[in-house]
Amino acid sequence: MLEKMKMIWQDAKQLKDERGLTLVELLVVVVILGIIAAIAVVAIGGIIENSKKDAMVADAKQMVSAAKLYTVSNSVETTEALDFKTTDGKEFIASMNDPFNTDNEYGTAVVDITNTDGKYSYTVHLVGSKFQFADNTSESSLKKDNLAKVTAK
């Protein structure tokens, strides 16, 4: 019986020595998880912004493609502006919404076509709620890096 009591006493002592997480350890884990979450939120925000810029570049390229199709069927003598916001009987693209404000269309969506000795050049004017392609943006400079912030008027 005495042996059994000793074994129970040793088992109880071993259980007493084992302990769980302290409050400090738990707080350290929570702080580390918070730091990781803060970094992830910033990274995801940048990814979303970049995808919206890419959508704006794609819209500009689509406008140039539509203008090229227009010049195939309609001759342009010197210059002509295709306004993608008005549909005066010529609707080139069904709808183009600003990716930064999906409820609204772009403020300006125009492609200027210039004919110089039978060679066409295209200039894009695309203005959204946050970003725009600066005036005189040629077809070759339709890149995300060439987007400029819209300045308040």
Protein backbone atom coordinates (compact mmCIF):
# COMPACT_ATOMS: atom_id res chain seq x y z
CA MET A 1 0.00 0.00 0.00
CA LEU A 2 2.84 2.31 0.83
CA GLU A 3 4.34 1.63 -2.59
CA LYS A 4 1.08 2.58 -4.29
CA MET A 5 0.92 5.82 -2.32
CA LYS A 6 4.48 6.68 -3.40
CA MET A 7 3.59 6.04 -7.07
CA ILE A 8 0.48 8.22 -6.84
CA TRP A 9 2.53 10.95 -5.13
CA GLN A 10 5.18 10.85 -7.90
CA ASP A 11 2.52 10.93 -10.64
CA ALA A 12 0.84 13.90 -8.99
CA LYS A 13 4.18 15.67 -8.66
CA GLN A 14 4.93 15.08 -12.37
CA LEU A 15 1.53 16.47 -13.36
CA LYS A 16 2.13 19.50 -11.18
CA ASP A 17 5.46 20.23 -12.90
CA GLU A 18 3.85 20.20 -16.36
CA ARG A 19 2.28 23.49 -17.27
CA GLY A 20 0.46 25.08 -20.22
CA LEU A 21 1.08 28.36 -21.99
CA THR A 22 1.60 31.40 -19.84
CA LEU A 23 -0.18 34.65 -20.59
CA VAL A 24 3.06 36.20 -21.87
CA GLU A 25 3.64 33.35 -24.33
CA LEU A 26 0.08 33.63 -25.56
CA LEU A 27 0.44 37.41 -26.04
CA VAL A 28 3.66 36.92 -28.02
CA VAL A 29 1.87 34.52 -30.39
CA VAL A 30 -1.01 36.97 -30.86
CA VAL A 31 1.39 39.86 -31.57
CA ILE A 32 3.31 37.80 -34.15
CA LEU A 33 0.07 36.80 -35.89
CA GLY A 34 -1.00 40.47 -35.92
CA ILE A 35 2.26 41.53 -37.57
CA ILE A 36 1.90 38.82 -40.22
CA ALA A 37 -1.71 39.88 -40.88
CA ALA A 38 -0.71 43.56 -41.24
CA ILE A 39 1.95 42.68 -43.81
CA ALA A 40 -0.51 40.49 -45.74
CA VAL A 41 -3.18 43.22 -45.88
CA VAL A 42 -0.71 45.73 -47.36
CA ALA A 43 0.52 43.22 -49.93
CA ILE A 44 -3.03 42.28 -50.98
CA GLY A 45 -3.97 45.96 -51.30
CA GLY A 46 -1.07 46.49 -53.70
CA ILE A 47 -2.09 43.48 -55.76
CA ILE A 48 -5.65 44.77 -56.08
CA GLU A 49 -4.46 48.24 -57.13
CA ASN A 50 -2.12 46.75 -59.74
CA SER A 51 -4.90 44.59 -61.18
CA LYS A 52 -7.12 47.67 -61.53
CA LYS A 53 -4.30 49.50 -63.32
CA ASP A 54 -3.90 46.49 -65.61
CA ALA A 55 -7.62 46.65 -66.37
CA MET A 56 -7.28 50.31 -67.33
CA VAL A 57 -4.35 49.51 -69.64
CA ALA A 58 -6.41 46.72 -71.21
CA ASP A 59 -9.27 49.16 -71.81
CA ALA A 60 -6.89 51.60 -73.52
CA LYS A 61 -5.47 48.84 -75.73
CA GLN A 62 -9.01 47.73 -76.58
CA MET A 63 -9.81 51.31 -77.61
CA VAL A 64 -6.78 51.36 -79.93
CA SER A 65 -7.82 48.01 -81.42
CA ALA A 66 -11.31 49.36 -82.06
CA ALA A 67 -9.81 52.46 -83.68
CA LYS A 68 -7.67 50.26 -85.93
CA LEU A 69 -10.76 48.34 -87.00
CA TYR A 70 -12.48 51.67 -87.68
CA THR A 71 -9.65 52.83 -89.94
CA VAL A 72 -9.88 49.61 -91.95
CA SER A 73 -13.50 50.33 -92.90
CA ASN A 74 -13.42 54.14 -92.91
CA SER A 75 -10.68 56.21 -94.43
CA VAL A 76 -9.32 58.98 -92.28
CA GLU A 77 -7.96 61.91 -94.29
CA THR A 78 -5.82 63.72 -91.69
CA THR A 79 -7.14 63.42 -88.13
CA GLU A 80 -10.25 62.10 -86.49
CA ALA A 81 -11.25 61.59 -82.85
CA LEU A 82 -13.22 58.55 -81.79
CA ASP A 83 -15.12 59.21 -78.57
CA PHE A 84 -15.94 55.95 -76.80
CA LYS A 85 -18.33 57.62 -74.35
CA THR A 86 -20.84 58.81 -76.93
CA THR A 87 -22.63 56.39 -79.19
CA ASP A 88 -23.64 58.64 -82.07
CA GLY A 89 -24.62 55.67 -84.17
CA LYS A 90 -21.12 54.18 -83.85
CA GLU A 91 -20.71 51.97 -80.82
CA PHE A 92 -17.23 50.46 -80.88
CA ILE A 93 -17.11 48.95 -77.40
CA ALA A 94 -20.29 47.99 -75.53
CA SER A 95 -19.35 49.52 -72.17
CA MET A 96 -16.20 50.56 -70.38
CA ASN A 97 -16.43 51.17 -66.66
CA ASP A 98 -13.68 52.75 -64.61
CA PRO A 99 -12.05 49.91 -62.59
CA PHE A 100 -11.46 52.27 -59.65
CA ASN A 101 -15.14 53.31 -59.60
CA THR A 102 -17.14 50.47 -61.11
CA ASP A 103 -20.43 52.37 -60.90
CA ASN A 104 -19.24 55.03 -63.36
CA GLU A 105 -17.74 55.14 -66.81
CA TYR A 106 -14.48 56.88 -67.59
CA GLY A 107 -14.45 60.68 -67.56
CA THR A 108 -12.77 60.80 -70.97
CA ALA A 109 -12.32 57.94 -73.42
CA VAL A 110 -11.06 59.22 -76.78
CA VAL A 111 -8.64 57.93 -79.40
CA ASP A 112 -7.22 60.44 -81.87
CA ILE A 113 -6.36 58.91 -85.24
CA THR A 114 -3.77 60.74 -87.34
CA ASN A 115 -3.03 59.85 -90.96
CA THR A 116 0.46 60.86 -92.05
CA ASP A 117 1.11 59.81 -95.65
CA GLY A 118 -0.96 56.63 -95.29
CA LYS A 119 0.53 55.69 -91.91
CA TYR A 120 -1.87 55.85 -89.00
CA SER A 121 -0.92 56.78 -85.46
CA TYR A 122 -3.19 56.51 -82.44
CA THR A 123 -3.23 58.75 -79.38
CA VAL A 124 -5.22 57.70 -76.31
CA HIS A 125 -6.96 60.02 -73.85
CA LEU A 126 -8.36 57.89 -71.02
CA VAL A 127 -9.25 59.54 -67.71
CA GLY A 128 -10.65 57.58 -64.77
CA SER A 129 -11.53 58.56 -61.23
CA LYS A 130 -8.02 57.96 -59.81
CA PHE A 131 -5.65 57.46 -62.75
CA GLN A 132 -5.32 58.62 -66.33
CA PHE A 133 -3.12 58.21 -69.33
CA ALA A 134 -1.55 61.60 -69.73
CA ASP A 135 -2.42 63.49 -72.90
CA ASN A 136 -0.66 62.41 -76.06
CA THR A 137 -0.18 58.82 -74.95
CA SER A 138 0.91 56.93 -78.02
CA GLU A 139 0.00 53.31 -78.61
CA SER A 140 3.49 52.12 -77.68
CA SER A 141 3.38 53.77 -74.24
CA LEU A 142 0.22 52.01 -73.04
CA LYS A 143 1.80 50.53 -69.94
CA LYS A 144 0.84 50.46 -66.30
CA ASP A 145 3.91 52.55 -65.44
CA ASN A 146 2.67 55.43 -67.65
CA LEU A 147 -0.52 55.95 -65.65
CA ALA A 148 -0.60 59.29 -63.85
CA LYS A 149 -2.68 60.22 -60.84
CA VAL A 150 -5.70 62.36 -61.62
CA THR A 151 -5.23 65.84 -60.24
CA ALA A 152 -8.19 67.62 -58.65
CA LYS A 153 -9.69 70.33 -60.81
